[in-house]
Amino acid sequence: MASSRKPSRRKASAERPARSAPAPSVGALTELALDLRWSWNHSADQLWAQLEPELWARTHNPWVVLQTVSRAKVENFLHWLGLGSFVLGLVESFLYGVYAGLVYVPIHNFILRRCP
């Protein structure tokens, strides 16, 4: 006679290790280095300065930094730079836009009302 007991179910976390969010790829970093829009917007300067501070201080050229730094260092850096850093940067950018809107829009409107 077959047993009527159901097989025990293990928790999913016990069966599979928890996955962390994937780190950005080297290709994404290469795209960023070659993107000319960042030449006037210096938001990514901190990223390149953290990757290789001395070389960045001398050249201020992301492509040179990326080509000079070892592949292992780039991969370690990308592992460190994960989803949490991305979300933090996204929030900071949004809040900076809100701040600029709250400060500069009223000033702009005030000047437009005063000057015909």
PDB file of N, CA and C in Angstrom:
ATOM      1  N   MET A   1       0.832  -1.174   0.000  1.00  0.00           N
ATOM      2  CA  MET A   1       0.000   0.000   0.000  1.00  0.00           C
ATOM      3  C   MET A   1       0.882   1.245   0.000  1.00  0.00           C
ATOM      4  N   ALA A   2       0.537   2.189  -0.826  1.00  0.00           N
ATOM      5  CA  ALA A   2       1.329   3.410  -0.968  1.00  0.00           C
ATOM      6  C   ALA A   2       1.112   4.322   0.227  1.00  0.00           C
ATOM      7  N   SER A   3       2.152   5.016   0.583  1.00  0.00           N
ATOM      8  CA  SER A   3       2.084   5.940   1.712  1.00  0.00           C
ATOM      9  C   SER A   3       1.323   7.194   1.309  1.00  0.00           C
ATOM     10  N   SER A   4       0.511   7.709   2.203  1.00  0.00           N
ATOM     11  CA  SER A   4      -0.265   8.910   1.904  1.00  0.00           C
ATOM     12  C   SER A   4       0.474  10.181   2.300  1.00  0.00           C
ATOM     13  N   ARG A   5       1.666  10.020   2.828  1.00  0.00           N
ATOM     14  CA  ARG A   5       2.437  11.205   3.214  1.00  0.00           C
ATOM     15  C   ARG A   5       2.967  11.903   1.975  1.00  0.00           C
ATOM     16  N   LYS A   6       2.883  13.215   1.994  1.00  0.00           N
ATOM     17  CA  LYS A   6       3.445  14.007   0.901  1.00  0.00           C
ATOM     18  C   LYS A   6       4.929  14.200   1.163  1.00  0.00           C
ATOM     19  N   PRO A   7       5.701  14.238   0.096  1.00  0.00           N
ATOM     20  CA  PRO A   7       7.133  14.484   0.306  1.00  0.00           C
ATOM     21  C   PRO A   7       7.340  15.882   0.896  1.00  0.00           C
ATOM     22  N   SER A   8       8.310  15.991   1.776  1.00  0.00           N
ATOM     23  CA  SER A   8       8.558  17.300   2.405  1.00  0.00           C
ATOM     24  C   SER A   8       9.170  18.250   1.388  1.00  0.00           C
ATOM     25  N   ARG A   9       8.768  19.473   1.484  1.00  0.00           N
ATOM     26  CA  ARG A   9       9.282  20.490   0.578  1.00  0.00           C
ATOM     27  C   ARG A   9      10.332  21.303   1.311  1.00  0.00           C
ATOM     28  N   ARG A  10      11.460  21.404   0.709  1.00  0.00           N
ATOM     29  CA  ARG A  10      12.510  22.229   1.295  1.00  0.00           C
ATOM     30  C   ARG A  10      12.315  23.673   0.863  1.00  0.00           C
ATOM     31  N   LYS A  11      12.831  24.549   1.655  1.00  0.00           N
ATOM     32  CA  LYS A  11      12.770  25.965   1.292  1.00  0.00           C
ATOM     33  C   LYS A  11      13.609  26.205   0.051  1.00  0.00           C
ATOM     34  N   ALA A  12      13.160  27.142  -0.779  1.00  0.00           N
ATOM     35  CA  ALA A  12      13.885  27.449  -2.013  1.00  0.00           C
ATOM     36  C   ALA A  12      15.286  27.959  -1.724  1.00  0.00           C
ATOM     37  N   SER A  13      15.451  28.684  -0.605  1.00  0.00           N
ATOM     38  CA  SER A  13      16.769  29.229  -0.294  1.00  0.00           C
ATOM     39  C   SER A  13      17.756  28.123   0.055  1.00  0.00           C
ATOM     40  N   ALA A  14      17.260  26.999   0.571  1.00  0.00           N
ATOM     41  CA  ALA A  14      18.149  25.894   0.907  1.00  0.00           C
ATOM     42  C   ALA A  14      18.593  25.147  -0.350  1.00  0.00           C
ATOM     43  N   GLU A  15      17.759  25.144  -1.377  1.00  0.00           N
ATOM     44  CA  GLU A  15      18.088  24.430  -2.603  1.00  0.00           C
ATOM     45  C   GLU A  15      19.010  25.232  -3.510  1.00  0.00           C
ATOM     46  N   ARG A  16      18.746  26.505  -3.588  1.00  0.00           N
ATOM     47  CA  ARG A  16      19.518  27.356  -4.486  1.00  0.00           C
ATOM     48  C   ARG A  16      20.152  28.490  -3.699  1.00  0.00           C
ATOM     49  N   PRO A  17      21.413  28.777  -3.978  1.00  0.00           N
ATOM     50  CA  PRO A  17      22.018  29.924  -3.306  1.00  0.00           C
ATOM     51  C   PRO A  17      21.402  31.218  -3.833  1.00  0.00           C
ATOM     52  N   ALA A  18      21.322  32.200  -2.956  1.00  0.00           N
ATOM     53  CA  ALA A  18      20.757  33.495  -3.361  1.00  0.00           C
ATOM     54  C   ALA A  18      21.690  34.143  -4.374  1.00  0.00           C
ATOM     55  N   ARG A  19      21.090  34.705  -5.393  1.00  0.00           N
ATOM     56  CA  ARG A  19      21.877  35.373  -6.426  1.00  0.00           C
ATOM     57  C   ARG A  19      21.904  36.862  -6.153  1.00  0.00           C
ATOM     58  N   SER A  20      23.063  37.441  -6.347  1.00  0.00           N
ATOM     59  CA  SER A  20      23.139  38.891  -6.246  1.00  0.00           C
ATOM     60  C   SER A  20      22.863  39.459  -7.632  1.00  0.00           C
ATOM     61  N   ALA A  21      22.579  40.732  -7.683  1.00  0.00           N
ATOM     62  CA  ALA A  21      22.309  41.384  -8.963  1.00  0.00           C
ATOM     63  C   ALA A  21      23.573  41.342  -9.817  1.00  0.00           C
ATOM     64  N   PRO A  22      23.418  41.145 -11.121  1.00  0.00           N
ATOM     65  CA  PRO A  22      24.606  41.069 -11.972  1.00  0.00           C
ATOM     66  C   PRO A  22      25.331  42.408 -12.019  1.00  0.00           C
ATOM     67  N   ALA A  23      26.636  42.340 -12.019  1.00  0.00           N
ATOM     68  CA  ALA A  23      27.447  43.553 -12.112  1.00  0.00           C
ATOM     69  C   ALA A  23      27.446  44.038 -13.557  1.00  0.00           C
ATOM     70  N   PRO A  24      27.700  45.313 -13.775  1.00  0.00           N
ATOM     71  CA  PRO A  24      27.792  45.810 -15.145  1.00  0.00           C
ATOM     72  C   PRO A  24      28.924  45.099 -15.884  1.00  0.00           C
ATOM     73  N   SER A  25      28.809  45.030 -17.191  1.00  0.00           N
ATOM     74  CA  SER A  25      29.814  44.314 -17.976  1.00  0.00           C
ATOM     75  C   SER A  25      30.939  45.256 -18.396  1.00  0.00           C
ATOM     76  N   VAL A  26      32.032  44.644 -18.837  1.00  0.00           N
ATOM     77  CA  VAL A  26      33.156  45.426 -19.350  1.00  0.00           C
ATOM     78  C   VAL A  26      32.715  46.174 -20.603  1.00  0.00           C
ATOM     79  N   GLY A  27      31.816  45.556 -21.370  1.00  0.00           N
ATOM     80  CA  GLY A  27      31.306  46.224 -22.577  1.00  0.00           C
ATOM     81  C   GLY A  27      30.569  47.510 -22.250  1.00  0.00           C
ATOM     82  N   ALA A  28      29.813  47.506 -21.167  1.00  0.00           N
ATOM     83  CA  ALA A  28      29.096  48.723 -20.763  1.00  0.00           C
ATOM     84  C   ALA A  28      30.079  49.807 -20.355  1.00  0.00           C
ATOM     85  N   LEU A  29      31.162  49.424 -19.694  1.00  0.00           N
ATOM     86  CA  LEU A  29      32.184  50.388 -19.301  1.00  0.00           C
ATOM     87  C   LEU A  29      32.902  50.934 -20.527  1.00  0.00           C
ATOM     88  N   THR A  30      33.127  50.073 -21.521  1.00  0.00           N
ATOM     89  CA  THR A  30      33.748  50.516 -22.774  1.00  0.00           C
ATOM     90  C   THR A  30      32.836  51.496 -23.505  1.00  0.00           C
ATOM     91  N   GLU A  31      31.541  51.182 -23.542  1.00  0.00           N
ATOM     92  CA  GLU A  31      30.583  52.101 -24.164  1.00  0.00           C
ATOM     93  C   GLU A  31      30.603  53.462 -23.496  1.00  0.00           C
ATOM     94  N   LEU A  32      30.651  53.454 -22.175  1.00  0.00           N
ATOM     95  CA  LEU A  32      30.685  54.702 -21.427  1.00  0.00           C
ATOM     96  C   LEU A  32      31.961  55.481 -21.723  1.00  0.00           C
ATOM     97  N   ALA A  33      33.079  54.782 -21.830  1.00  0.00           N
ATOM     98  CA  ALA A  33      34.356  55.445 -22.112  1.00  0.00           C
ATOM     99  C   ALA A  33      34.356  56.097 -23.490  1.00  0.00           C
ATOM    100  N   LEU A  34      33.687  55.478 -24.449  1.00  0.00           N
ATOM    101  CA  LEU A  34      33.685  56.002 -25.825  1.00  0.00           C
ATOM    102  C   LEU A  34      32.518  56.938 -26.127  1.00  0.00           C
ATOM    103  N   ASP A  35      31.606  57.083 -25.191  1.00  0.00           N
ATOM    104  CA  ASP A  35      30.435  57.933 -25.400  1.00  0.00           C
ATOM    105  C   ASP A  35      30.841  59.395 -25.270  1.00  0.00           C
ATOM    106  N   LEU A  36      30.778  60.125 -26.356  1.00  0.00           N
ATOM    107  CA  LEU A  36      31.228  61.519 -26.360  1.00  0.00           C
ATOM    108  C   LEU A  36      30.310  62.456 -25.581  1.00  0.00           C
ATOM    109  N   ARG A  37      29.105  62.016 -25.260  1.00  0.00           N
ATOM    110  CA  ARG A  37      28.219  62.872 -24.462  1.00  0.00           C
ATOM    111  C   ARG A  37      28.803  63.118 -23.075  1.00  0.00           C
ATOM    112  N   TRP A  38      29.646  62.199 -22.603  1.00  0.00           N
ATOM    113  CA  TRP A  38      30.243  62.362 -21.274  1.00  0.00           C
ATOM    114  C   TRP A  38      31.415  63.324 -21.299  1.00  0.00           C
ATOM    115  N   SER A  39      31.829  63.792 -22.492  1.00  0.00           N
ATOM    116  CA  SER A  39      32.954  64.722 -22.543  1.00  0.00           C
ATOM    117  C   SER A  39      32.570  66.097 -21.993  1.00  0.00           C
ATOM    118  N   TRP A  40      31.313  66.461 -22.096  1.00  0.00           N
ATOM    119  CA  TRP A  40      30.881  67.744 -21.525  1.00  0.00           C
ATOM    120  C   TRP A  40      30.178  67.560 -20.184  1.00  0.00           C
ATOM    121  N   ASN A  41      29.655  66.378 -19.926  1.00  0.00           N
ATOM    122  CA  ASN A  41      28.986  66.085 -18.662  1.00  0.00           C
ATOM    123  C   ASN A  41      29.948  65.273 -17.811  1.00  0.00           C
ATOM    124  N   HIS A  42      30.407  65.839 -16.735  1.00  0.00           N
ATOM    125  CA  HIS A  42      31.464  65.207 -15.945  1.00  0.00           C
ATOM    126  C   HIS A  42      30.930  64.324 -14.821  1.00  0.00           C
ATOM    127  N   SER A  43      29.738  63.783 -14.996  1.00  0.00           N
ATOM    128  CA  SER A  43      29.142  62.913 -13.972  1.00  0.00           C
ATOM    129  C   SER A  43      29.926  61.632 -13.777  1.00  0.00           C
ATOM    130  N   ALA A  44      30.536  61.120 -14.825  1.00  0.00           N
ATOM    131  CA  ALA A  44      31.249  59.848 -14.732  1.00  0.00           C
ATOM    132  C   ALA A  44      32.711  60.009 -14.328  1.00  0.00           C
ATOM    133  N   ASP A  45      33.165  61.224 -14.116  1.00  0.00           N
ATOM    134  CA  ASP A  45      34.567  61.443 -13.760  1.00  0.00           C
ATOM    135  C   ASP A  45      34.964  60.691 -12.492  1.00  0.00           C
ATOM    136  N   GLN A  46      34.075  60.653 -11.511  1.00  0.00           N
ATOM    137  CA  GLN A  46      34.371  59.948 -10.270  1.00  0.00           C
ATOM    138  C   GLN A  46      34.612  58.459 -10.523  1.00  0.00           C
ATOM    139  N   LEU A  47      33.862  57.900 -11.446  1.00  0.00           N
ATOM    140  CA  LEU A  47      34.015  56.486 -11.773  1.00  0.00           C
ATOM    141  C   LEU A  47      35.422  56.199 -12.286  1.00  0.00           C
ATOM    142  N   TRP A  48      35.891  57.010 -13.226  1.00  0.00           N
ATOM    143  CA  TRP A  48      37.215  56.792 -13.800  1.00  0.00           C
ATOM    144  C   TRP A  48      38.302  57.106 -12.780  1.00  0.00           C
ATOM    145  N   ALA A  49      38.067  58.104 -11.951  1.00  0.00           N
ATOM    146  CA  ALA A  49      39.052  58.452 -10.919  1.00  0.00           C
ATOM    147  C   ALA A  49      39.183  57.336  -9.886  1.00  0.00           C
ATOM    148  N   GLN A  50      38.095  56.642  -9.586  1.00  0.00           N
ATOM    149  CA  GLN A  50      38.177  55.533  -8.633  1.00  0.00           C
ATOM    150  C   GLN A  50      38.862  54.316  -9.247  1.00  0.00           C
ATOM    151  N   LEU A  51      38.739  54.167 -10.535  1.00  0.00           N
ATOM    152  CA  LEU A  51      39.356  53.012 -11.198  1.00  0.00           C
ATOM    153  C   LEU A  51      40.875  53.143 -11.215  1.00  0.00           C
ATOM    154  N   GLU A  52      41.384  54.306 -11.565  1.00  0.00           N
ATOM    155  CA  GLU A  52      42.833  54.541 -11.602  1.00  0.00           C
ATOM    156  C   GLU A  52      43.091  56.030 -11.346  1.00  0.00           C
ATOM    157  N   PRO A  53      43.186  56.438 -10.076  1.00  0.00           N
ATOM    158  CA  PRO A  53      43.249  57.857  -9.722  1.00  0.00           C
ATOM    159  C   PRO A  53      44.425  58.620 -10.329  1.00  0.00           C
ATOM    160  N   GLU A  54      45.622  58.054 -10.296  1.00  0.00           N
ATOM    161  CA  GLU A  54      46.796  58.784 -10.793  1.00  0.00           C
ATOM    162  C   GLU A  54      46.729  58.995 -12.302  1.00  0.00           C
ATOM    163  N   LEU A  55      46.354  57.964 -13.027  1.00  0.00           N
ATOM    164  CA  LEU A  55      46.247  58.081 -14.484  1.00  0.00           C
ATOM    165  C   LEU A  55      45.126  59.033 -14.866  1.00  0.00           C
ATOM    166  N   TRP A  56      44.019  58.978 -14.146  1.00  0.00           N
ATOM    167  CA  TRP A  56      42.907  59.891 -14.432  1.00  0.00           C
ATOM    168  C   TRP A  56      43.330  61.340 -14.183  1.00  0.00           C
ATOM    169  N   ALA A  57      44.088  61.578 -13.116  1.00  0.00           N
ATOM    170  CA  ALA A  57      44.538  62.939 -12.805  1.00  0.00           C
ATOM    171  C   ALA A  57      45.456  63.485 -13.906  1.00  0.00           C
ATOM    172  N   ARG A  58      46.247  62.598 -14.508  1.00  0.00           N
ATOM    173  CA  ARG A  58      47.156  63.034 -15.574  1.00  0.00           C
ATOM    174  C   ARG A  58      46.460  63.226 -16.910  1.00  0.00           C
ATOM    175  N   THR A  59      45.527  62.343 -17.256  1.00  0.00           N
ATOM    176  CA  THR A  59      44.986  62.346 -18.616  1.00  0.00           C
ATOM    177  C   THR A  59      43.566  62.870 -18.743  1.00  0.00           C
ATOM    178  N   HIS A  60      42.720  62.602 -17.763  1.00  0.00           N
ATOM    179  CA  HIS A  60      41.277  62.881 -17.850  1.00  0.00           C
ATOM    180  C   HIS A  60      40.686  62.282 -19.127  1.00  0.00           C
ATOM    181  N   ASN A  61      41.186  61.110 -19.483  1.00  0.00           N
ATOM    182  CA  ASN A  61      40.725  60.412 -20.683  1.00  0.00           C
ATOM    183  C   ASN A  61      40.246  59.014 -20.270  1.00  0.00           C
ATOM    184  N   PRO A  62      38.911  58.785 -20.292  1.00  0.00           N
ATOM    185  CA  PRO A  62      38.400  57.484 -19.847  1.00  0.00           C
ATOM    186  C   PRO A  62      38.882  56.317 -20.701  1.00  0.00           C
ATOM    187  N   TRP A  63      39.067  56.538 -21.995  1.00  0.00           N
ATOM    188  CA  TRP A  63      39.519  55.454 -22.859  1.00  0.00           C
ATOM    189  C   TRP A  63      40.942  55.038 -22.506  1.00  0.00           C
ATOM    190  N   VAL A  64      41.804  55.991 -22.223  1.00  0.00           N
ATOM    191  CA  VAL A  64      43.180  55.676 -21.829  1.00  0.00           C
ATOM    192  C   VAL A  64      43.177  54.916 -20.508  1.00  0.00           C
ATOM    193  N   VAL A  65      42.352  55.350 -19.567  1.00  0.00           N
ATOM    194  CA  VAL A  65      42.260  54.662 -18.275  1.00  0.00           C
ATOM    195  C   VAL A  65      41.815  53.223 -18.486  1.00  0.00           C
ATOM    196  N   LEU A  66      40.783  53.028 -19.279  1.00  0.00           N
ATOM    197  CA  LEU A  66      40.244  51.691 -19.498  1.00  0.00           C
ATOM    198  C   LEU A  66      41.240  50.792 -20.223  1.00  0.00           C
ATOM    199  N   GLN A  67      42.009  51.344 -21.161  1.00  0.00           N
ATOM    200  CA  GLN A  67      42.975  50.551 -21.906  1.00  0.00           C
ATOM    201  C   GLN A  67      44.231  50.233 -21.091  1.00  0.00           C
ATOM    202  N   THR A  68      44.534  51.061 -20.095  1.00  0.00           N
ATOM    203  CA  THR A  68      45.764  50.897 -19.324  1.00  0.00           C
ATOM    204  C   THR A  68      45.588  49.965 -18.128  1.00  0.00           C
ATOM    205  N   VAL A  69      44.440  50.021 -17.499  1.00  0.00           N
ATOM    206  CA  VAL A  69      44.182  49.236 -16.295  1.00  0.00           C
ATOM    207  C   VAL A  69      44.060  47.758 -16.662  1.00  0.00           C
ATOM    208  N   SER A  70      44.561  46.886 -15.780  1.00  0.00           N
ATOM    209  CA  SER A  70      44.499  45.449 -16.053  1.00  0.00           C
ATOM    210  C   SER A  70      43.048  44.959 -16.084  1.00  0.00           C
ATOM    211  N   ARG A  71      42.829  43.914 -16.833  1.00  0.00           N
ATOM    212  CA  ARG A  71      41.486  43.325 -16.965  1.00  0.00           C
ATOM    213  C   ARG A  71      40.960  42.862 -15.599  1.00  0.00           C
ATOM    214  N   ALA A  72      41.837  42.291 -14.785  1.00  0.00           N
ATOM    215  CA  ALA A  72      41.428  41.810 -13.461  1.00  0.00           C
ATOM    216  C   ALA A  72      40.963  42.974 -12.581  1.00  0.00           C
ATOM    217  N   LYS A  73      41.668  44.097 -12.663  1.00  0.00           N
ATOM    218  CA  LYS A  73      41.279  45.261 -11.867  1.00  0.00           C
ATOM    219  C   LYS A  73      39.929  45.797 -12.326  1.00  0.00           C
ATOM    220  N   VAL A  74      39.704  45.810 -13.634  1.00  0.00           N
ATOM    221  CA  VAL A  74      38.419  46.262 -14.173  1.00  0.00           C
ATOM    222  C   VAL A  74      37.297  45.340 -13.707  1.00  0.00           C
ATOM    223  N   GLU A  75      37.520  44.042 -13.758  1.00  0.00           N
ATOM    224  CA  GLU A  75      36.488  43.090 -13.340  1.00  0.00           C
ATOM    225  C   GLU A  75      36.205  43.191 -11.840  1.00  0.00           C
ATOM    226  N   ASN A  76      37.239  43.385 -11.031  1.00  0.00           N
ATOM    227  CA  ASN A  76      37.033  43.595  -9.593  1.00  0.00           C
ATOM    228  C   ASN A  76      36.251  44.876  -9.340  1.00  0.00           C
ATOM    229  N   PHE A  77      36.584  45.906 -10.087  1.00  0.00           N
ATOM    230  CA  PHE A  77      35.885  47.184  -9.957  1.00  0.00           C
ATOM    231  C   PHE A  77      34.415  47.029 -10.345  1.00  0.00           C
ATOM    232  N   LEU A  78      34.149  46.304 -11.421  1.00  0.00           N
ATOM    233  CA  LEU A  78      32.770  46.106 -11.859  1.00  0.00           C
ATOM    234  C   LEU A  78      31.983  45.256 -10.871  1.00  0.00           C
ATOM    235  N   HIS A  79      32.659  44.320 -10.234  1.00  0.00           N
ATOM    236  CA  HIS A  79      31.982  43.518  -9.212  1.00  0.00           C
ATOM    237  C   HIS A  79      31.590  44.411  -8.029  1.00  0.00           C
ATOM    238  N   TRP A  80      32.483  45.318  -7.671  1.00  0.00           N
ATOM    239  CA  TRP A  80      32.204  46.264  -6.583  1.00  0.00           C
ATOM    240  C   TRP A  80      31.073  47.210  -6.969  1.00  0.00           C
ATOM    241  N   LEU A  81      31.060  47.595  -8.247  1.00  0.00           N
ATOM    242  CA  LEU A  81      30.055  48.523  -8.748  1.00  0.00           C
ATOM    243  C   LEU A  81      28.848  47.702  -9.183  1.00  0.00           C
ATOM    244  N   GLY A  82      27.867  47.568  -8.340  1.00  0.00           N
ATOM    245  CA  GLY A  82      26.723  46.716  -8.636  1.00  0.00           C
ATOM    246  C   GLY A  82      25.429  47.498  -8.677  1.00  0.00           C
ATOM    247  N   LEU A  83      24.342  46.795  -8.486  1.00  0.00           N
ATOM    248  CA  LEU A  83      23.016  47.386  -8.551  1.00  0.00           C
ATOM    249  C   LEU A  83      22.816  48.450  -7.476  1.00  0.00           C
ATOM    250  N   GLY A  84      23.359  48.230  -6.293  1.00  0.00           N
ATOM    251  CA  GLY A  84      23.203  49.212  -5.219  1.00  0.00           C
ATOM    252  C   GLY A  84      23.794  50.555  -5.586  1.00  0.00           C
ATOM    253  N   SER A  85      24.972  50.547  -6.192  1.00  0.00           N
ATOM    254  CA  SER A  85      25.610  51.790  -6.623  1.00  0.00           C
ATOM    255  C   SER A  85      24.802  52.460  -7.734  1.00  0.00           C
ATOM    256  N   PHE A  86      24.275  51.646  -8.636  1.00  0.00           N
ATOM    257  CA  PHE A  86      23.465  52.190  -9.720  1.00  0.00           C
ATOM    258  C   PHE A  86      22.222  52.881  -9.182  1.00  0.00           C
ATOM    259  N   VAL A  87      21.538  52.220  -8.263  1.00  0.00           N
ATOM    260  CA  VAL A  87      20.313  52.794  -7.695  1.00  0.00           C
ATOM    261  C   VAL A  87      20.638  54.070  -6.929  1.00  0.00           C
ATOM    262  N   LEU A  88      21.731  54.053  -6.167  1.00  0.00           N
ATOM    263  CA  LEU A  88      22.129  55.248  -5.433  1.00  0.00           C
ATOM    264  C   LEU A  88      22.410  56.403  -6.385  1.00  0.00           C
ATOM    265  N   GLY A  89      23.120  56.138  -7.459  1.00  0.00           N
ATOM    266  CA  GLY A  89      23.392  57.177  -8.454  1.00  0.00           C
ATOM    267  C   GLY A  89      22.127  57.690  -9.114  1.00  0.00           C
ATOM    268  N   LEU A  90      21.204  56.797  -9.377  1.00  0.00           N
ATOM    269  CA  LEU A  90      19.936  57.187  -9.972  1.00  0.00           C
ATOM    270  C   LEU A  90      19.152  58.106  -9.038  1.00  0.00           C
ATOM    271  N   VAL A  91      19.112  57.750  -7.761  1.00  0.00           N
ATOM    272  CA  VAL A  91      18.411  58.570  -6.771  1.00  0.00           C
ATOM    273  C   VAL A  91      19.094  59.923  -6.620  1.00  0.00           C
ATOM    274  N   GLU A  92      20.436  59.923  -6.563  1.00  0.00           N
ATOM    275  CA  GLU A  92      21.159  61.191  -6.443  1.00  0.00           C
ATOM    276  C   GLU A  92      20.894  62.094  -7.643  1.00  0.00           C
ATOM    277  N   SER A  93      20.891  61.527  -8.842  1.00  0.00           N
ATOM    278  CA  SER A  93      20.619  62.328 -10.040  1.00  0.00           C
ATOM    279  C   SER A  93      19.215  62.902 -10.008  1.00  0.00           C
ATOM    280  N   PHE A  94      18.250  62.080  -9.604  1.00  0.00           N
ATOM    281  CA  PHE A  94      16.872  62.553  -9.517  1.00  0.00           C
ATOM    282  C   PHE A  94      16.750  63.686  -8.500  1.00  0.00           C
ATOM    283  N   LEU A  95      17.348  63.496  -7.328  1.00  0.00           N
ATOM    284  CA  LEU A  95      17.254  64.520  -6.291  1.00  0.00           C
ATOM    285  C   LEU A  95      17.968  65.805  -6.691  1.00  0.00           C
ATOM    286  N   TYR A  96      19.062  65.686  -7.443  1.00  0.00           N
ATOM    287  CA  TYR A  96      19.739  66.881  -7.933  1.00  0.00           C
ATOM    288  C   TYR A  96      18.827  67.637  -8.900  1.00  0.00           C
ATOM    289  N   GLY A  97      18.116  66.906  -9.755  1.00  0.00           N
ATOM    290  CA  GLY A  97      17.169  67.552 -10.672  1.00  0.00           C
ATOM    291  C   GLY A  97      16.044  68.232  -9.926  1.00  0.00           C
ATOM    292  N   VAL A  98      15.547  67.601  -8.879  1.00  0.00           N
ATOM    293  CA  VAL A  98      14.495  68.209  -8.059  1.00  0.00           C
ATOM    294  C   VAL A  98      15.027  69.476  -7.398  1.00  0.00           C
ATOM    295  N   TYR A  99      16.259  69.384  -6.848  1.00  0.00           N
ATOM    296  CA  TYR A  99      16.878  70.542  -6.197  1.00  0.00           C
ATOM    297  C   TYR A  99      17.025  71.692  -7.197  1.00  0.00           C
ATOM    298  N   ALA A 100      17.530  71.397  -8.379  1.00  0.00           N
ATOM    299  CA  ALA A 100      17.708  72.441  -9.391  1.00  0.00           C
ATOM    300  C   ALA A 100      16.371  73.058  -9.766  1.00  0.00           C
ATOM    301  N   GLY A 101      15.354  72.216  -9.884  1.00  0.00           N
ATOM    302  CA  GLY A 101      14.029  72.737 -10.214  1.00  0.00           C
ATOM    303  C   GLY A 101      13.460  73.611  -9.113  1.00  0.00           C
ATOM    304  N   LEU A 102      13.661  73.223  -7.878  1.00  0.00           N
ATOM    305  CA  LEU A 102      13.130  74.002  -6.752  1.00  0.00           C
ATOM    306  C   LEU A 102      13.861  75.317  -6.562  1.00  0.00           C
ATOM    307  N   VAL A 103      15.145  75.350  -6.888  1.00  0.00           N
ATOM    308  CA  VAL A 103      15.927  76.564  -6.673  1.00  0.00           C
ATOM    309  C   VAL A 103      15.896  77.480  -7.887  1.00  0.00           C
ATOM    310  N   TYR A 104      16.169  76.938  -9.052  1.00  0.00           N
ATOM    311  CA  TYR A 104      16.372  77.796 -10.222  1.00  0.00           C
ATOM    312  C   TYR A 104      15.100  78.190 -10.956  1.00  0.00           C
ATOM    313  N   VAL A 105      14.081  77.376 -10.930  1.00  0.00           N
ATOM    314  CA  VAL A 105      12.848  77.741 -11.638  1.00  0.00           C
ATOM    315  C   VAL A 105      12.188  78.978 -11.018  1.00  0.00           C
ATOM    316  N   PRO A 106      12.038  79.070  -9.697  1.00  0.00           N
ATOM    317  CA  PRO A 106      11.472  80.306  -9.140  1.00  0.00           C
ATOM    318  C   PRO A 106      12.325  81.540  -9.431  1.00  0.00           C
ATOM    319  N   ILE A 107      13.640  81.383  -9.395  1.00  0.00           N
ATOM    320  CA  ILE A 107      14.521  82.522  -9.723  1.00  0.00           C
ATOM    321  C   ILE A 107      14.315  82.933 -11.172  1.00  0.00           C
ATOM    322  N   HIS A 108      14.260  81.950 -12.054  1.00  0.00           N
ATOM    323  CA  HIS A 108      14.039  82.230 -13.477  1.00  0.00           C
ATOM    324  C   HIS A 108      12.689  82.934 -13.689  1.00  0.00           C
ATOM    325  N   ASN A 109      11.646  82.428 -13.060  1.00  0.00           N
ATOM    326  CA  ASN A 109      10.325  83.052 -13.192  1.00  0.00           C
ATOM    327  C   ASN A 109      10.307  84.460 -12.623  1.00  0.00           C
ATOM    328  N   PHE A 110      10.997  84.685 -11.506  1.00  0.00           N
ATOM    329  CA  PHE A 110      11.077  86.014 -10.912  1.00  0.00           C
ATOM    330  C   PHE A 110      11.747  86.991 -11.874  1.00  0.00           C
ATOM    331  N   ILE A 111      12.836  86.556 -12.474  1.00  0.00           N
ATOM    332  CA  ILE A 111      13.556  87.438 -13.415  1.00  0.00           C
ATOM    333  C   ILE A 111      12.695  87.719 -14.644  1.00  0.00           C
ATOM    334  N   LEU A 112      11.987  86.732 -15.129  1.00  0.00           N
ATOM    335  CA  LEU A 112      11.134  86.944 -16.303  1.00  0.00           C
ATOM    336  C   LEU A 112       9.992  87.928 -16.005  1.00  0.00           C
ATOM    337  N   ARG A 113       9.458  87.889 -14.793  1.00  0.00           N
ATOM    338  CA  ARG A 113       8.406  88.834 -14.429  1.00  0.00           C
ATOM    339  C   ARG A 113       8.931  90.249 -14.274  1.00  0.00           C
ATOM    340  N   ARG A 114      10.161  90.412 -13.835  1.00  0.00           N
ATOM    341  CA  ARG A 114      10.757  91.735 -13.603  1.00  0.00           C
ATOM    342  C   ARG A 114      11.247  92.381 -14.899  1.00  0.00           C
ATOM    343  N   CYS A 115      11.749  91.560 -15.802  1.00  0.00           N
ATOM    344  CA  CYS A 115      12.312  92.088 -17.048  1.00  0.00           C
ATOM    345  C   CYS A 115      11.337  91.817 -18.199  1.00  0.00           C
ATOM    346  N   PRO A 116      10.911  92.876 -18.879  1.00  0.00           N
ATOM    347  CA  PRO A 116       9.957  92.679 -20.000  1.00  0.00           C
ATOM    348  C   PRO A 116      10.588  92.050 -21.209  1.00  0.00           C
TER     349      PRO A 116
END
